[in-house]
């Protein structure tokens, strides 16, 4: 049986730069973003706020959803975030304490 996986959106600030990714370990990956551990897009644009995530039963479906979201227009992603997280609260503490 596969372990659950997650699709997530990180942001630099409210309505700022967005990063969409998928991972089997959301707390670890969000920590890496927050601490700018990995060189690349999120470090360059300081996408450190976990503003949206979605759980999937396995990594393949999470990656499929990630690819789908990457095709979306920016406005649609903003609407998705604001539908579930209207204040753009950093959800990191929620995932590490669940």
Protein backbone atom coordinates (compact mmCIF):
# COMPACT_ATOMS: atom_id res chain seq x y z
CA UNK A 1 0.00 0.00 0.00
CA UNK A 2 1.32 3.39 -0.97
CA UNK A 3 1.61 6.26 1.45
CA UNK A 4 -0.42 9.44 1.00
CA UNK A 5 1.09 12.32 -0.95
CA UNK A 6 0.33 16.00 -1.22
CA UNK A 7 0.03 18.75 -3.79
CA UNK A 8 0.90 22.13 -2.35
CA UNK A 9 1.12 25.78 -3.25
CA UNK A 10 3.76 27.97 -1.65
CA UNK A 11 3.66 31.77 -1.93
CA UNK A 12 6.08 34.62 -1.36
CA UNK A 13 3.24 36.72 0.12
CA UNK A 14 -0.47 37.30 -0.44
CA UNK A 15 -1.01 37.50 -4.22
CA UNK A 16 2.75 37.13 -4.68
CA UNK A 17 4.82 34.58 -6.56
CA UNK A 18 3.37 31.06 -6.45
CA UNK A 19 5.08 27.68 -6.54
CA UNK A 20 3.14 24.45 -7.09
CA UNK A 21 4.66 21.09 -6.17
CA UNK A 22 3.96 17.59 -4.92
CA UNK A 23 5.60 15.48 -2.23
CA UNK A 24 5.08 12.42 -0.07
CA UNK A 25 6.31 14.38 2.99
CA UNK A 26 4.60 17.76 3.20
CA UNK A 27 6.02 18.87 6.58
CA UNK A 28 9.59 18.19 5.41
CA UNK A 29 9.08 19.87 2.03
CA UNK A 30 7.37 22.93 3.53
CA UNK A 31 10.23 23.20 6.06
CA UNK A 32 12.74 23.15 3.17
CA UNK A 33 10.84 25.97 1.44
CA UNK A 34 10.56 28.03 4.65
CA UNK A 35 14.26 27.68 5.38
CA UNK A 36 15.38 28.23 1.77
CA UNK A 37 17.34 24.98 1.86
CA UNK A 38 17.09 24.00 -1.81
CA UNK A 39 18.48 26.26 -4.52
CA UNK A 40 16.09 27.12 -7.32
CA UNK A 41 12.77 28.82 -7.92
CA UNK A 42 11.43 28.88 -4.37
CA UNK A 43 14.70 30.15 -2.92
CA UNK A 44 15.07 32.78 -5.63
CA UNK A 45 11.51 34.07 -5.22
CA UNK A 46 11.24 33.34 -1.45
CA UNK A 47 8.11 31.19 -1.72
CA UNK A 48 8.06 30.32 1.97
CA UNK A 49 4.36 30.38 2.92
CA UNK A 50 2.33 27.19 2.64
CA UNK A 51 -1.02 28.63 1.52
CA UNK A 52 -2.81 25.57 0.09
CA UNK A 53 -2.46 21.80 0.04
CA UNK A 54 -4.45 18.74 -0.93
CA UNK A 55 -3.92 15.13 0.13
CA UNK A 56 -3.93 12.26 -2.38
CA UNK A 57 -3.88 8.50 -1.78
CA UNK A 58 -0.55 8.07 -3.56
CA UNK A 59 2.23 10.06 -5.23
CA UNK A 60 1.16 9.33 -8.81
CA UNK A 61 -2.22 11.01 -8.33
CA UNK A 62 -0.61 13.94 -6.50
CA UNK A 63 1.81 14.44 -9.38
CA UNK A 64 -1.07 14.27 -11.85
CA UNK A 65 -2.92 16.97 -9.93
CA UNK A 66 0.29 19.05 -9.75
CA UNK A 67 0.62 18.90 -13.55
CA UNK A 68 -3.04 19.89 -13.87
CA UNK A 69 -2.61 22.90 -11.57
CA UNK A 70 0.51 24.02 -13.42
CA UNK A 71 -1.65 24.33 -16.54
CA UNK A 72 -4.14 26.56 -14.73
CA UNK A 73 -4.25 30.31 -15.16
CA UNK A 74 -2.89 32.30 -12.23
CA UNK A 75 -6.34 33.70 -11.43
CA UNK A 76 -7.72 30.19 -10.98
CA UNK A 77 -4.94 29.32 -8.53
CA UNK A 78 -5.62 32.50 -6.56
CA UNK A 79 -9.31 31.60 -6.40
CA UNK A 80 -8.44 28.08 -5.20
CA UNK A 81 -6.24 29.47 -2.42
CA UNK A 82 -8.77 32.07 -1.35
CA UNK A 83 -11.65 29.57 -1.37
CA UNK A 84 -9.94 27.46 1.32
CA UNK A 85 -7.59 30.01 2.87
CA UNK A 86 -9.09 33.51 2.41
CA UNK A 87 -6.61 35.15 4.79
CA UNK A 88 -3.60 33.50 3.14
CA UNK A 89 -2.60 32.07 6.50
CA UNK A 90 0.66 30.12 6.54
CA UNK A 91 -0.57 26.55 7.04
CA UNK A 92 2.80 25.17 8.13
CA UNK A 93 1.98 25.10 11.85
CA UNK A 94 -1.25 23.25 11.09
CA UNK A 95 0.55 20.42 9.29
CA UNK A 96 3.35 19.99 11.82
CA UNK A 97 0.93 19.83 14.75
CA UNK A 98 -1.67 17.49 13.17
